[in-house]
């Protein structure tokens, strides 16, 4: 993988995953719904899983440098 696209993709995945993880944790701590109209446990689990996958993809992109 070329350096420029790998750095960009890694940064995007890392920022998105970190932001989603912080937002989900903050919403759960304040007892606000993560997604309206969905089970709180299911929405928090899905959002947390998406955040962890994005962080793993960001790490993988950075490891390709």
C-alpha atoms as a PDB file:
ATOM      1  CA  UNK A   1       0.000   0.000   0.000  1.00  0.00           C
ATOM      2  CA  UNK A   2       1.323   3.449  -0.779  1.00  0.00           C
ATOM      3  CA  UNK A   3       2.225   5.680   2.138  1.00  0.00           C
ATOM      4  CA  UNK A   4      -0.132   8.613   1.465  1.00  0.00           C
ATOM      5  CA  UNK A   5      -3.370   6.636   1.135  1.00  0.00           C
ATOM      6  CA  UNK A   6      -2.398   4.365   4.047  1.00  0.00           C
ATOM      7  CA  UNK A   7      -1.814   7.331   6.338  1.00  0.00           C
ATOM      8  CA  UNK A   8      -5.063   8.998   5.256  1.00  0.00           C
ATOM      9  CA  UNK A   9      -7.164   5.836   5.594  1.00  0.00           C
ATOM     10  CA  UNK A  10      -5.568   4.974   8.942  1.00  0.00           C
ATOM     11  CA  UNK A  11      -6.238   8.458  10.281  1.00  0.00           C
ATOM     12  CA  UNK A  12      -9.856   8.419   9.105  1.00  0.00           C
ATOM     13  CA  UNK A  13     -10.541   4.992  10.612  1.00  0.00           C
ATOM     14  CA  UNK A  14      -8.785   5.880  13.877  1.00  0.00           C
ATOM     15  CA  UNK A  15     -10.591   9.210  14.279  1.00  0.00           C
ATOM     16  CA  UNK A  16     -13.980   7.723  13.427  1.00  0.00           C
ATOM     17  CA  UNK A  17     -13.518   4.720  15.706  1.00  0.00           C
ATOM     18  CA  UNK A  18     -12.217   6.816  18.593  1.00  0.00           C
ATOM     19  CA  UNK A  19     -14.970   9.397  18.213  1.00  0.00           C
ATOM     20  CA  UNK A  20     -17.692   6.767  18.020  1.00  0.00           C
ATOM     21  CA  UNK A  21     -16.321   4.961  21.051  1.00  0.00           C
ATOM     22  CA  UNK A  22     -16.167   8.176  23.118  1.00  0.00           C
ATOM     23  CA  UNK A  23     -19.653   9.229  21.991  1.00  0.00           C
ATOM     24  CA  UNK A  24     -21.130   5.818  22.826  1.00  0.00           C
ATOM     25  CA  UNK A  25     -19.486   5.731  26.251  1.00  0.00           C
ATOM     26  CA  UNK A  26     -20.633   9.276  27.016  1.00  0.00           C
ATOM     27  CA  UNK A  27     -24.197   8.494  25.973  1.00  0.00           C
ATOM     28  CA  UNK A  28     -24.264   5.371  28.120  1.00  0.00           C
ATOM     29  CA  UNK A  29     -22.775   7.169  31.127  1.00  0.00           C
ATOM     30  CA  UNK A  30     -25.431   9.900  30.910  1.00  0.00           C
ATOM     31  CA  UNK A  31     -28.157   7.276  30.373  1.00  0.00           C
ATOM     32  CA  UNK A  32     -29.119   8.763  27.003  1.00  0.00           C
ATOM     33  CA  UNK A  33     -30.152   6.485  24.129  1.00  0.00           C
ATOM     34  CA  UNK A  34     -27.433   5.621  21.647  1.00  0.00           C
ATOM     35  CA  UNK A  35     -30.050   5.231  18.887  1.00  0.00           C
ATOM     36  CA  UNK A  36     -33.700   6.239  19.138  1.00  0.00           C
ATOM     37  CA  UNK A  37     -36.286   3.510  18.734  1.00  0.00           C
ATOM     38  CA  UNK A  38     -33.836   0.639  19.224  1.00  0.00           C
ATOM     39  CA  UNK A  39     -33.049  -1.490  22.241  1.00  0.00           C
ATOM     40  CA  UNK A  40     -30.406   0.318  24.358  1.00  0.00           C
ATOM     41  CA  UNK A  41     -28.315  -2.820  24.740  1.00  0.00           C
ATOM     42  CA  UNK A  42     -28.428  -3.656  21.031  1.00  0.00           C
ATOM     43  CA  UNK A  43     -27.605  -0.126  19.896  1.00  0.00           C
ATOM     44  CA  UNK A  44     -24.725   0.246  22.358  1.00  0.00           C
ATOM     45  CA  UNK A  45     -23.334  -3.155  21.383  1.00  0.00           C
ATOM     46  CA  UNK A  46     -23.542  -2.423  17.655  1.00  0.00           C
ATOM     47  CA  UNK A  47     -22.001   1.039  18.032  1.00  0.00           C
ATOM     48  CA  UNK A  48     -19.208  -0.329  20.220  1.00  0.00           C
ATOM     49  CA  UNK A  49     -18.523  -3.128  17.757  1.00  0.00           C
ATOM     50  CA  UNK A  50     -18.382  -0.676  14.843  1.00  0.00           C
ATOM     51  CA  UNK A  51     -15.976   1.539  16.794  1.00  0.00           C
ATOM     52  CA  UNK A  52     -13.663  -1.352  17.633  1.00  0.00           C
ATOM     53  CA  UNK A  53     -13.679  -2.569  14.015  1.00  0.00           C
ATOM     54  CA  UNK A  54     -12.809   0.940  12.792  1.00  0.00           C
ATOM     55  CA  UNK A  55      -9.940   1.157  15.296  1.00  0.00           C
ATOM     56  CA  UNK A  56      -8.644  -2.251  14.171  1.00  0.00           C
ATOM     57  CA  UNK A  57      -8.795  -1.165  10.532  1.00  0.00           C
ATOM     58  CA  UNK A  58      -6.930   2.038  11.376  1.00  0.00           C
ATOM     59  CA  UNK A  59      -4.255   0.050  13.164  1.00  0.00           C
ATOM     60  CA  UNK A  60      -3.978  -2.301  10.210  1.00  0.00           C
ATOM     61  CA  UNK A  61      -3.565   0.636   7.799  1.00  0.00           C
ATOM     62  CA  UNK A  62      -0.832   2.149   9.956  1.00  0.00           C
ATOM     63  CA  UNK A  63       0.934  -1.207  10.222  1.00  0.00           C
ATOM     64  CA  UNK A  64       1.214  -1.312   6.420  1.00  0.00           C
ATOM     65  CA  UNK A  65       3.572   1.691   6.366  1.00  0.00           C
END
